[in-house]
């Protein structure tokens, strides 16, 4: 689980990838088109960021010329949410027993 969580965290560790995820997560359907057409992202860097997100399993994408289809990988999205929730729940910042105040 730690390796999977780290892979998700690494993929989400760039503002451009967060913007892509935010854009795709707010869609009810897969997006057909070029991300750089709707987000202020240079075309040259889009494929690198999409590849990183796809390799981590956070998005899915297929090329169906002349269109490209992108969407959130719902199964892995739920796993990521669960893993992040677990680690955040383990740390209770309001605990009076914490060593750092």
PDB file of N, CA and C in Angstrom:
ATOM      1  N   UNK A   1       0.811  -1.198   0.000  1.00  0.00           N
ATOM      2  CA  UNK A   1       0.000   0.000   0.000  1.00  0.00           C
ATOM      3  C   UNK A   1       0.857   1.265   0.000  1.00  0.00           C
ATOM      4  N   UNK A   2       1.979   1.223   0.720  1.00  0.00           N
ATOM      5  CA  UNK A   2       2.838   2.400   0.774  1.00  0.00           C
ATOM      6  C   UNK A   2       3.410   2.753  -0.596  1.00  0.00           C
ATOM      7  N   UNK A   3       3.783   1.728  -1.354  1.00  0.00           N
ATOM      8  CA  UNK A   3       4.331   1.979  -2.690  1.00  0.00           C
ATOM      9  C   UNK A   3       3.272   2.583  -3.609  1.00  0.00           C
ATOM     10  N   UNK A   4       2.080   2.070  -3.519  1.00  0.00           N
ATOM     11  CA  UNK A   4       1.000   2.593  -4.358  1.00  0.00           C
ATOM     12  C   UNK A   4       0.674   4.034  -3.975  1.00  0.00           C
ATOM     13  N   UNK A   5       0.596   4.302  -2.674  1.00  0.00           N
ATOM     14  CA  UNK A   5       0.331   5.655  -2.196  1.00  0.00           C
ATOM     15  C   UNK A   5       1.434   6.607  -2.652  1.00  0.00           C
ATOM     16  N   UNK A   6       2.688   6.170  -2.546  1.00  0.00           N
ATOM     17  CA  UNK A   6       3.808   7.004  -2.980  1.00  0.00           C
ATOM     18  C   UNK A   6       3.738   7.284  -4.476  1.00  0.00           C
ATOM     19  N   UNK A   7       3.330   6.308  -5.263  1.00  0.00           N
ATOM     20  CA  UNK A   7       3.214   6.494  -6.716  1.00  0.00           C
ATOM     21  C   UNK A   7       2.124   7.512  -7.040  1.00  0.00           C
ATOM     22  N   UNK A   8       0.985   7.407  -6.340  1.00  0.00           N
ATOM     23  CA  UNK A   8      -0.080   8.384  -6.530  1.00  0.00           C
ATOM     24  C   UNK A   8       0.404   9.775  -6.126  1.00  0.00           C
ATOM     25  N   UNK A   9       1.064   9.857  -4.973  1.00  0.00           N
ATOM     26  CA  UNK A   9       1.534  11.151  -4.471  1.00  0.00           C
ATOM     27  C   UNK A   9       2.547  11.772  -5.423  1.00  0.00           C
ATOM     28  N   UNK A  10       3.449  10.969  -5.959  1.00  0.00           N
ATOM     29  CA  UNK A  10       4.440  11.490  -6.904  1.00  0.00           C
ATOM     30  C   UNK A  10       3.760  12.032  -8.159  1.00  0.00           C
ATOM     31  N   UNK A  11       2.798  11.274  -8.663  1.00  0.00           N
ATOM     32  CA  UNK A  11       2.091  11.712  -9.871  1.00  0.00           C
ATOM     33  C   UNK A  11       1.313  12.994  -9.616  1.00  0.00           C
ATOM     34  N   UNK A  12       0.840  13.187  -8.403  1.00  0.00           N
ATOM     35  CA  UNK A  12       0.065  14.381  -8.073  1.00  0.00           C
ATOM     36  C   UNK A  12       0.962  15.529  -7.602  1.00  0.00           C
ATOM     37  N   UNK A  13       2.264  15.313  -7.619  1.00  0.00           N
ATOM     38  CA  UNK A  13       3.206  16.278  -7.072  1.00  0.00           C
ATOM     39  C   UNK A  13       3.617  17.410  -7.991  1.00  0.00           C
ATOM     40  N   UNK A  14       2.807  17.744  -8.961  1.00  0.00           N
ATOM     41  CA  UNK A  14       3.123  18.856  -9.857  1.00  0.00           C
ATOM     42  C   UNK A  14       1.843  19.648 -10.115  1.00  0.00           C
ATOM     43  N   UNK A  15       1.911  20.978 -10.041  1.00  0.00           N
ATOM     44  CA  UNK A  15       0.709  21.794 -10.233  1.00  0.00           C
ATOM     45  C   UNK A  15      -0.023  21.550 -11.553  1.00  0.00           C
ATOM     46  N   UNK A  16       0.715  21.277 -12.612  1.00  0.00           N
ATOM     47  CA  UNK A  16       0.074  21.027 -13.904  1.00  0.00           C
ATOM     48  C   UNK A  16      -0.727  19.739 -13.864  1.00  0.00           C
ATOM     49  N   UNK A  17      -0.187  18.715 -13.222  1.00  0.00           N
ATOM     50  CA  UNK A  17      -0.913  17.445 -13.131  1.00  0.00           C
ATOM     51  C   UNK A  17      -2.146  17.587 -12.244  1.00  0.00           C
ATOM     52  N   UNK A  18      -2.049  18.393 -11.206  1.00  0.00           N
ATOM     53  CA  UNK A  18      -3.218  18.666 -10.364  1.00  0.00           C
ATOM     54  C   UNK A  18      -4.293  19.370 -11.202  1.00  0.00           C
ATOM     55  N   UNK A  19      -3.885  20.314 -12.031  1.00  0.00           N
ATOM     56  CA  UNK A  19      -4.837  21.025 -12.899  1.00  0.00           C
ATOM     57  C   UNK A  19      -5.513  20.055 -13.865  1.00  0.00           C
ATOM     58  N   UNK A  20      -4.751  19.139 -14.424  1.00  0.00           N
ATOM     59  CA  UNK A  20      -5.313  18.143 -15.347  1.00  0.00           C
ATOM     60  C   UNK A  20      -6.309  17.252 -14.601  1.00  0.00           C
ATOM     61  N   UNK A  21      -5.910  16.770 -13.424  1.00  0.00           N
ATOM     62  CA  UNK A  21      -6.805  15.922 -12.634  1.00  0.00           C
ATOM     63  C   UNK A  21      -8.084  16.667 -12.253  1.00  0.00           C
ATOM     64  N   UNK A  22      -7.932  17.904 -11.841  1.00  0.00           N
ATOM     65  CA  UNK A  22      -9.091  18.704 -11.464  1.00  0.00           C
ATOM     66  C   UNK A  22     -10.040  18.867 -12.654  1.00  0.00           C
ATOM     67  N   UNK A  23      -9.484  19.150 -13.801  1.00  0.00           N
ATOM     68  CA  UNK A  23     -10.295  19.302 -15.016  1.00  0.00           C
ATOM     69  C   UNK A  23     -11.046  18.009 -15.343  1.00  0.00           C
ATOM     70  N   UNK A  24     -10.336  16.878 -15.329  1.00  0.00           N
ATOM     71  CA  UNK A  24     -10.962  15.611 -15.689  1.00  0.00           C
ATOM     72  C   UNK A  24     -11.940  15.133 -14.621  1.00  0.00           C
ATOM     73  N   UNK A  25     -11.635  15.381 -13.359  1.00  0.00           N
ATOM     74  CA  UNK A  25     -12.506  14.927 -12.271  1.00  0.00           C
ATOM     75  C   UNK A  25     -13.844  15.646 -12.274  1.00  0.00           C
ATOM     76  N   UNK A  26     -13.887  16.837 -12.814  1.00  0.00           N
ATOM     77  CA  UNK A  26     -15.123  17.606 -12.852  1.00  0.00           C
ATOM     78  C   UNK A  26     -15.981  17.314 -14.074  1.00  0.00           C
ATOM     79  N   UNK A  27     -15.570  16.360 -14.881  1.00  0.00           N
ATOM     80  CA  UNK A  27     -16.332  16.003 -16.076  1.00  0.00           C
ATOM     81  C   UNK A  27     -17.148  14.744 -15.790  1.00  0.00           C
ATOM     82  N   UNK A  28     -18.341  14.699 -16.330  1.00  0.00           N
ATOM     83  CA  UNK A  28     -19.195  13.531 -16.157  1.00  0.00           C
ATOM     84  C   UNK A  28     -18.878  12.448 -17.174  1.00  0.00           C
ATOM     85  N   UNK A  29     -18.195  12.828 -18.241  1.00  0.00           N
ATOM     86  CA  UNK A  29     -17.845  11.896 -19.297  1.00  0.00           C
ATOM     87  C   UNK A  29     -16.362  12.045 -19.603  1.00  0.00           C
ATOM     88  N   UNK A  30     -15.864  11.144 -20.415  1.00  0.00           N
ATOM     89  CA  UNK A  30     -14.481  11.265 -20.860  1.00  0.00           C
ATOM     90  C   UNK A  30     -14.342  12.499 -21.740  1.00  0.00           C
ATOM     91  N   UNK A  31     -13.171  13.061 -21.717  1.00  0.00           N
ATOM     92  CA  UNK A  31     -12.888  14.258 -22.506  1.00  0.00           C
ATOM     93  C   UNK A  31     -12.263  13.836 -23.823  1.00  0.00           C
ATOM     94  N   UNK A  32     -12.874  14.253 -24.921  1.00  0.00           N
ATOM     95  CA  UNK A  32     -12.320  14.017 -26.243  1.00  0.00           C
ATOM     96  C   UNK A  32     -11.713  15.328 -26.718  1.00  0.00           C
ATOM     97  N   UNK A  33     -10.424  15.369 -26.866  1.00  0.00           N
ATOM     98  CA  UNK A  33      -9.785  16.586 -27.340  1.00  0.00           C
ATOM     99  C   UNK A  33      -8.388  16.739 -26.762  1.00  0.00           C
ATOM    100  N   UNK A  34      -7.826  17.890 -26.998  1.00  0.00           N
ATOM    101  CA  UNK A  34      -6.485  18.186 -26.522  1.00  0.00           C
ATOM    102  C   UNK A  34      -6.577  19.029 -25.262  1.00  0.00           C
ATOM    103  N   UNK A  35      -5.993  18.532 -24.200  1.00  0.00           N
ATOM    104  CA  UNK A  35      -6.027  19.223 -22.904  1.00  0.00           C
ATOM    105  C   UNK A  35      -5.466  20.638 -23.037  1.00  0.00           C
ATOM    106  N   UNK A  36      -4.430  20.795 -23.846  1.00  0.00           N
ATOM    107  CA  UNK A  36      -3.797  22.113 -23.974  1.00  0.00           C
ATOM    108  C   UNK A  36      -4.728  23.141 -24.617  1.00  0.00           C
ATOM    109  N   UNK A  37      -5.801  22.681 -25.249  1.00  0.00           N
ATOM    110  CA  UNK A  37      -6.771  23.614 -25.829  1.00  0.00           C
ATOM    111  C   UNK A  37      -7.676  24.254 -24.770  1.00  0.00           C
ATOM    112  N   UNK A  38      -7.840  23.579 -23.627  1.00  0.00           N
ATOM    113  CA  UNK A  38      -8.743  24.093 -22.595  1.00  0.00           C
ATOM    114  C   UNK A  38      -8.031  24.537 -21.327  1.00  0.00           C
ATOM    115  N   UNK A  39      -6.818  24.109 -21.134  1.00  0.00           N
ATOM    116  CA  UNK A  39      -6.031  24.519 -19.973  1.00  0.00           C
ATOM    117  C   UNK A  39      -4.806  25.296 -20.448  1.00  0.00           C
ATOM    118  N   UNK A  40      -4.344  26.238 -19.651  1.00  0.00           N
ATOM    119  CA  UNK A  40      -3.161  27.023 -20.054  1.00  0.00           C
ATOM    120  C   UNK A  40      -1.868  26.231 -19.873  1.00  0.00           C
ATOM    121  N   UNK A  41      -1.749  25.162 -20.639  1.00  0.00           N
ATOM    122  CA  UNK A  41      -0.591  24.279 -20.550  1.00  0.00           C
ATOM    123  C   UNK A  41       0.039  24.187 -21.931  1.00  0.00           C
ATOM    124  N   UNK A  42       1.344  24.340 -21.979  1.00  0.00           N
ATOM    125  CA  UNK A  42       2.048  24.248 -23.254  1.00  0.00           C
ATOM    126  C   UNK A  42       1.905  22.847 -23.834  1.00  0.00           C
ATOM    127  N   UNK A  43       1.665  22.798 -25.112  1.00  0.00           N
ATOM    128  CA  UNK A  43       1.464  21.520 -25.800  1.00  0.00           C
ATOM    129  C   UNK A  43       2.652  20.579 -25.605  1.00  0.00           C
ATOM    130  N   UNK A  44       3.842  21.139 -25.564  1.00  0.00           N
ATOM    131  CA  UNK A  44       5.044  20.323 -25.445  1.00  0.00           C
ATOM    132  C   UNK A  44       5.125  19.575 -24.117  1.00  0.00           C
ATOM    133  N   UNK A  45       4.508  20.107 -23.073  1.00  0.00           N
ATOM    134  CA  UNK A  45       4.596  19.457 -21.766  1.00  0.00           C
ATOM    135  C   UNK A  45       3.383  18.600 -21.426  1.00  0.00           C
ATOM    136  N   UNK A  46       2.297  18.760 -22.160  1.00  0.00           N
ATOM    137  CA  UNK A  46       1.067  18.035 -21.843  1.00  0.00           C
ATOM    138  C   UNK A  46       1.277  16.530 -21.870  1.00  0.00           C
ATOM    139  N   UNK A  47       1.889  15.999 -22.908  1.00  0.00           N
ATOM    140  CA  UNK A  47       2.017  14.541 -23.025  1.00  0.00           C
ATOM    141  C   UNK A  47       2.856  13.963 -21.894  1.00  0.00           C
ATOM    142  N   UNK A  48       3.866  14.693 -21.454  1.00  0.00           N
ATOM    143  CA  UNK A  48       4.690  14.227 -20.330  1.00  0.00           C
ATOM    144  C   UNK A  48       3.840  14.097 -19.065  1.00  0.00           C
ATOM    145  N   UNK A  49       3.028  15.104 -18.793  1.00  0.00           N
ATOM    146  CA  UNK A  49       2.189  15.074 -17.601  1.00  0.00           C
ATOM    147  C   UNK A  49       1.098  14.011 -17.710  1.00  0.00           C
ATOM    148  N   UNK A  50       0.494  13.884 -18.872  1.00  0.00           N
ATOM    149  CA  UNK A  50      -0.522  12.850 -19.074  1.00  0.00           C
ATOM    150  C   UNK A  50       0.079  11.461 -18.913  1.00  0.00           C
ATOM    151  N   UNK A  51       1.286  11.278 -19.410  1.00  0.00           N
ATOM    152  CA  UNK A  51       1.966   9.994 -19.290  1.00  0.00           C
ATOM    153  C   UNK A  51       2.222   9.642 -17.829  1.00  0.00           C
ATOM    154  N   UNK A  52       2.660  10.606 -17.050  1.00  0.00           N
ATOM    155  CA  UNK A  52       2.927  10.382 -15.627  1.00  0.00           C
ATOM    156  C   UNK A  52       1.640   9.991 -14.893  1.00  0.00           C
ATOM    157  N   UNK A  53       0.560  10.687 -15.171  1.00  0.00           N
ATOM    158  CA  UNK A  53      -0.718  10.380 -14.539  1.00  0.00           C
ATOM    159  C   UNK A  53      -1.253   9.020 -14.980  1.00  0.00           C
ATOM    160  N   UNK A  54      -1.040   8.706 -16.247  1.00  0.00           N
ATOM    161  CA  UNK A  54      -1.496   7.424 -16.785  1.00  0.00           C
ATOM    162  C   UNK A  54      -0.670   6.277 -16.205  1.00  0.00           C
ATOM    163  N   UNK A  55       0.650   6.463 -16.118  1.00  0.00           N
ATOM    164  CA  UNK A  55       1.519   5.438 -15.543  1.00  0.00           C
ATOM    165  C   UNK A  55       1.174   5.149 -14.087  1.00  0.00           C
ATOM    166  N   UNK A  56       0.743   6.180 -13.364  1.00  0.00           N
ATOM    167  CA  UNK A  56       0.358   6.005 -11.962  1.00  0.00           C
ATOM    168  C   UNK A  56      -1.033   5.378 -11.841  1.00  0.00           C
ATOM    169  N   UNK A  57      -1.759   5.343 -12.948  1.00  0.00           N
ATOM    170  CA  UNK A  57      -3.082   4.751 -12.946  1.00  0.00           C
ATOM    171  C   UNK A  57      -4.190   5.692 -12.541  1.00  0.00           C
ATOM    172  N   UNK A  58      -3.898   6.982 -12.449  1.00  0.00           N
ATOM    173  CA  UNK A  58      -4.917   7.940 -12.039  1.00  0.00           C
ATOM    174  C   UNK A  58      -5.835   8.358 -13.182  1.00  0.00           C
ATOM    175  N   UNK A  59      -5.344   8.257 -14.424  1.00  0.00           N
ATOM    176  CA  UNK A  59      -6.180   8.561 -15.581  1.00  0.00           C
ATOM    177  C   UNK A  59      -6.084   7.420 -16.578  1.00  0.00           C
ATOM    178  N   UNK A  60      -7.021   7.421 -17.491  1.00  0.00           N
ATOM    179  CA  UNK A  60      -7.023   6.494 -18.615  1.00  0.00           C
ATOM    180  C   UNK A  60      -7.044   7.327 -19.878  1.00  0.00           C
ATOM    181  N   UNK A  61      -6.442   6.825 -20.900  1.00  0.00           N
ATOM    182  CA  UNK A  61      -6.459   7.544 -22.163  1.00  0.00           C
ATOM    183  C   UNK A  61      -6.268   6.596 -23.321  1.00  0.00           C
ATOM    184  N   UNK A  62      -6.965   6.904 -24.387  1.00  0.00           N
ATOM    185  CA  UNK A  62      -6.808   6.126 -25.608  1.00  0.00           C
ATOM    186  C   UNK A  62      -6.741   7.085 -26.784  1.00  0.00           C
ATOM    187  N   UNK A  63      -6.010   6.671 -27.779  1.00  0.00           N
ATOM    188  CA  UNK A  63      -5.903   7.460 -28.992  1.00  0.00           C
ATOM    189  C   UNK A  63      -6.760   6.788 -30.050  1.00  0.00           C
ATOM    190  N   UNK A  64      -7.760   7.517 -30.508  1.00  0.00           N
ATOM    191  CA  UNK A  64      -8.643   7.055 -31.571  1.00  0.00           C
ATOM    192  C   UNK A  64      -8.624   8.128 -32.644  1.00  0.00           C
ATOM    193  N   UNK A  65      -7.594   8.100 -33.513  1.00  0.00           N
ATOM    194  CA  UNK A  65      -7.431   9.190 -34.483  1.00  0.00           C
ATOM    195  C   UNK A  65      -8.735   9.550 -35.173  1.00  0.00           C
ATOM    196  N   UNK A  66      -9.007  10.814 -35.305  1.00  0.00           N
ATOM    197  CA  UNK A  66      -8.168  11.951 -34.942  1.00  0.00           C
ATOM    198  C   UNK A  66      -8.376  12.434 -33.510  1.00  0.00           C
ATOM    199  N   UNK A  67      -9.096  11.671 -32.684  1.00  0.00           N
ATOM    200  CA  UNK A  67      -9.390  12.108 -31.330  1.00  0.00           C
ATOM    201  C   UNK A  67      -8.578  11.352 -30.290  1.00  0.00           C
ATOM    202  N   UNK A  68      -8.387  12.020 -29.154  1.00  0.00           N
ATOM    203  CA  UNK A  68      -7.764  11.398 -27.999  1.00  0.00           C
ATOM    204  C   UNK A  68      -8.770  11.487 -26.861  1.00  0.00           C
ATOM    205  N   UNK A  69      -8.921  10.404 -26.115  1.00  0.00           N
ATOM    206  CA  UNK A  69      -9.908  10.354 -25.042  1.00  0.00           C
ATOM    207  C   UNK A  69      -9.187  10.218 -23.701  1.00  0.00           C
ATOM    208  N   UNK A  70      -9.556  11.079 -22.744  1.00  0.00           N
ATOM    209  CA  UNK A  70      -8.980  11.030 -21.402  1.00  0.00           C
ATOM    210  C   UNK A  70     -10.090  11.022 -20.370  1.00  0.00           C
ATOM    211  N   UNK A  71      -9.885  10.271 -19.301  1.00  0.00           N
ATOM    212  CA  UNK A  71     -10.808  10.314 -18.179  1.00  0.00           C
ATOM    213  C   UNK A  71     -10.103   9.813 -16.922  1.00  0.00           C
ATOM    214  N   UNK A  72     -10.705  10.111 -15.794  1.00  0.00           N
ATOM    215  CA  UNK A  72     -10.202   9.627 -14.519  1.00  0.00           C
ATOM    216  C   UNK A  72     -10.385   8.112 -14.484  1.00  0.00           C
ATOM    217  N   UNK A  73      -9.393   7.412 -13.984  1.00  0.00           N
ATOM    218  CA  UNK A  73      -9.520   5.978 -13.755  1.00  0.00           C
ATOM    219  C   UNK A  73     -10.261   5.848 -12.425  1.00  0.00           C
ATOM    220  N   UNK A  74     -11.564   5.659 -12.485  1.00  0.00           N
ATOM    221  CA  UNK A  74     -12.427   5.687 -11.293  1.00  0.00           C
ATOM    222  C   UNK A  74     -11.999   4.674 -10.235  1.00  0.00           C
ATOM    223  N   UNK A  75     -11.616   3.482 -10.650  1.00  0.00           N
ATOM    224  CA  UNK A  75     -11.207   2.451  -9.691  1.00  0.00           C
ATOM    225  C   UNK A  75      -9.984   2.905  -8.890  1.00  0.00           C
ATOM    226  N   UNK A  76      -8.949   3.360  -9.584  1.00  0.00           N
ATOM    227  CA  UNK A  76      -7.741   3.802  -8.895  1.00  0.00           C
ATOM    228  C   UNK A  76      -7.951   5.116  -8.149  1.00  0.00           C
ATOM    229  N   UNK A  77      -8.850   5.947  -8.657  1.00  0.00           N
ATOM    230  CA  UNK A  77      -9.177   7.211  -7.980  1.00  0.00           C
ATOM    231  C   UNK A  77      -9.733   6.908  -6.586  1.00  0.00           C
ATOM    232  N   UNK A  78     -10.630   5.902  -6.502  1.00  0.00           N
ATOM    233  CA  UNK A  78     -11.197   5.520  -5.212  1.00  0.00           C
ATOM    234  C   UNK A  78     -10.135   4.924  -4.291  1.00  0.00           C
ATOM    235  N   UNK A  79      -9.231   4.139  -4.858  1.00  0.00           N
ATOM    236  CA  UNK A  79      -8.139   3.571  -4.061  1.00  0.00           C
ATOM    237  C   UNK A  79      -7.243   4.681  -3.529  1.00  0.00           C
ATOM    238  N   UNK A  80      -6.895   5.649  -4.379  1.00  0.00           N
ATOM    239  CA  UNK A  80      -6.057   6.769  -3.948  1.00  0.00           C
ATOM    240  C   UNK A  80      -6.742   7.545  -2.834  1.00  0.00           C
ATOM    241  N   UNK A  81      -8.018   7.809  -3.002  1.00  0.00           N
ATOM    242  CA  UNK A  81      -8.760   8.550  -1.975  1.00  0.00           C
ATOM    243  C   UNK A  81      -8.740   7.798  -0.649  1.00  0.00           C
ATOM    244  N   UNK A  82      -8.919   6.493  -0.707  1.00  0.00           N
ATOM    245  CA  UNK A  82      -8.912   5.683   0.508  1.00  0.00           C
ATOM    246  C   UNK A  82      -7.533   5.694   1.176  1.00  0.00           C
ATOM    247  N   UNK A  83      -6.479   5.527   0.380  1.00  0.00           N
ATOM    248  CA  UNK A  83      -5.128   5.505   0.936  1.00  0.00           C
ATOM    249  C   UNK A  83      -4.744   6.849   1.550  1.00  0.00           C
ATOM    250  N   UNK A  84      -5.067   7.941   0.860  1.00  0.00           N
ATOM    251  CA  UNK A  84      -4.766   9.261   1.415  1.00  0.00           C
ATOM    252  C   UNK A  84      -5.596   9.513   2.672  1.00  0.00           C
ATOM    253  N   UNK A  85      -6.854   9.101   2.665  1.00  0.00           N
ATOM    254  CA  UNK A  85      -7.712   9.281   3.837  1.00  0.00           C
ATOM    255  C   UNK A  85      -7.156   8.534   5.041  1.00  0.00           C
ATOM    256  N   UNK A  86      -6.665   7.320   4.819  1.00  0.00           N
ATOM    257  CA  UNK A  86      -6.116   6.519   5.914  1.00  0.00           C
ATOM    258  C   UNK A  86      -4.907   7.201   6.546  1.00  0.00           C
ATOM    259  N   UNK A  87      -4.002   7.678   5.714  1.00  0.00           N
ATOM    260  CA  UNK A  87      -2.795   8.290   6.270  1.00  0.00           C
ATOM    261  C   UNK A  87      -3.111   9.612   6.963  1.00  0.00           C
ATOM    262  N   UNK A  88      -4.057  10.384   6.414  1.00  0.00           N
ATOM    263  CA  UNK A  88      -4.432  11.635   7.059  1.00  0.00           C
ATOM    264  C   UNK A  88      -5.182  11.369   8.363  1.00  0.00           C
ATOM    265  N   UNK A  89      -5.955  10.297   8.413  1.00  0.00           N
ATOM    266  CA  UNK A  89      -6.705   9.963   9.624  1.00  0.00           C
ATOM    267  C   UNK A  89      -5.773   9.498  10.745  1.00  0.00           C
ATOM    268  N   UNK A  90      -4.625   8.926  10.394  1.00  0.00           N
ATOM    269  CA  UNK A  90      -3.688   8.447  11.403  1.00  0.00           C
ATOM    270  C   UNK A  90      -3.049   9.582  12.187  1.00  0.00           C
ATOM    271  N   UNK A  91      -2.940  10.731  11.584  1.00  0.00           N
ATOM    272  CA  UNK A  91      -2.337  11.878  12.247  1.00  0.00           C
ATOM    273  C   UNK A  91      -3.457  12.771  12.766  1.00  0.00           C
ATOM    274  N   UNK A  92      -3.493  12.956  14.069  1.00  0.00           N
ATOM    275  CA  UNK A  92      -4.508  13.801  14.681  1.00  0.00           C
ATOM    276  C   UNK A  92      -3.841  15.070  15.199  1.00  0.00           C
ATOM    277  N   UNK A  93      -3.867  16.138  14.417  1.00  0.00           N
ATOM    278  CA  UNK A  93      -3.168  17.359  14.813  1.00  0.00           C
ATOM    279  C   UNK A  93      -3.753  18.018  16.063  1.00  0.00           C
ATOM    280  N   UNK A  94      -4.955  17.633  16.464  1.00  0.00           N
ATOM    281  CA  UNK A  94      -5.539  18.239  17.650  1.00  0.00           C
ATOM    282  C   UNK A  94      -5.201  17.440  18.915  1.00  0.00           C
ATOM    283  N   UNK A  95      -4.450  16.368  18.761  1.00  0.00           N
ATOM    284  CA  UNK A  95      -4.067  15.556  19.903  1.00  0.00           C
ATOM    285  C   UNK A  95      -3.196  16.347  20.868  1.00  0.00           C
ATOM    286  N   UNK A  96      -3.498  16.259  22.150  1.00  0.00           N
ATOM    287  CA  UNK A  96      -2.712  16.953  23.169  1.00  0.00           C
ATOM    288  C   UNK A  96      -1.415  16.227  23.471  1.00  0.00           C
ATOM    289  N   UNK A  97      -1.296  15.009  22.951  1.00  0.00           N
ATOM    290  CA  UNK A  97      -0.086  14.215  23.201  1.00  0.00           C
ATOM    291  C   UNK A  97       0.985  14.445  22.150  1.00  0.00           C
ATOM    292  N   UNK A  98       0.729  15.312  21.171  1.00  0.00           N
ATOM    293  CA  UNK A  98       1.704  15.567  20.114  1.00  0.00           C
ATOM    294  C   UNK A  98       2.961  16.231  20.663  1.00  0.00           C
ATOM    295  N   UNK A  99       4.089  15.950  20.070  1.00  0.00           N
ATOM    296  CA  UNK A  99       5.344  16.502  20.570  1.00  0.00           C
ATOM    297  C   UNK A  99       5.626  17.894  20.018  1.00  0.00           C
ATOM    298  N   UNK A 100       5.031  18.235  18.912  1.00  0.00           N
ATOM    299  CA  UNK A 100       5.271  19.538  18.304  1.00  0.00           C
ATOM    300  C   UNK A 100       4.011  20.395  18.445  1.00  0.00           C
ATOM    301  N   UNK A 101       4.174  21.531  19.067  1.00  0.00           N
ATOM    302  CA  UNK A 101       2.998  22.395  19.278  1.00  0.00           C
ATOM    303  C   UNK A 101       3.233  23.751  18.672  1.00  0.00           C
TER     304      UNK A 101
END
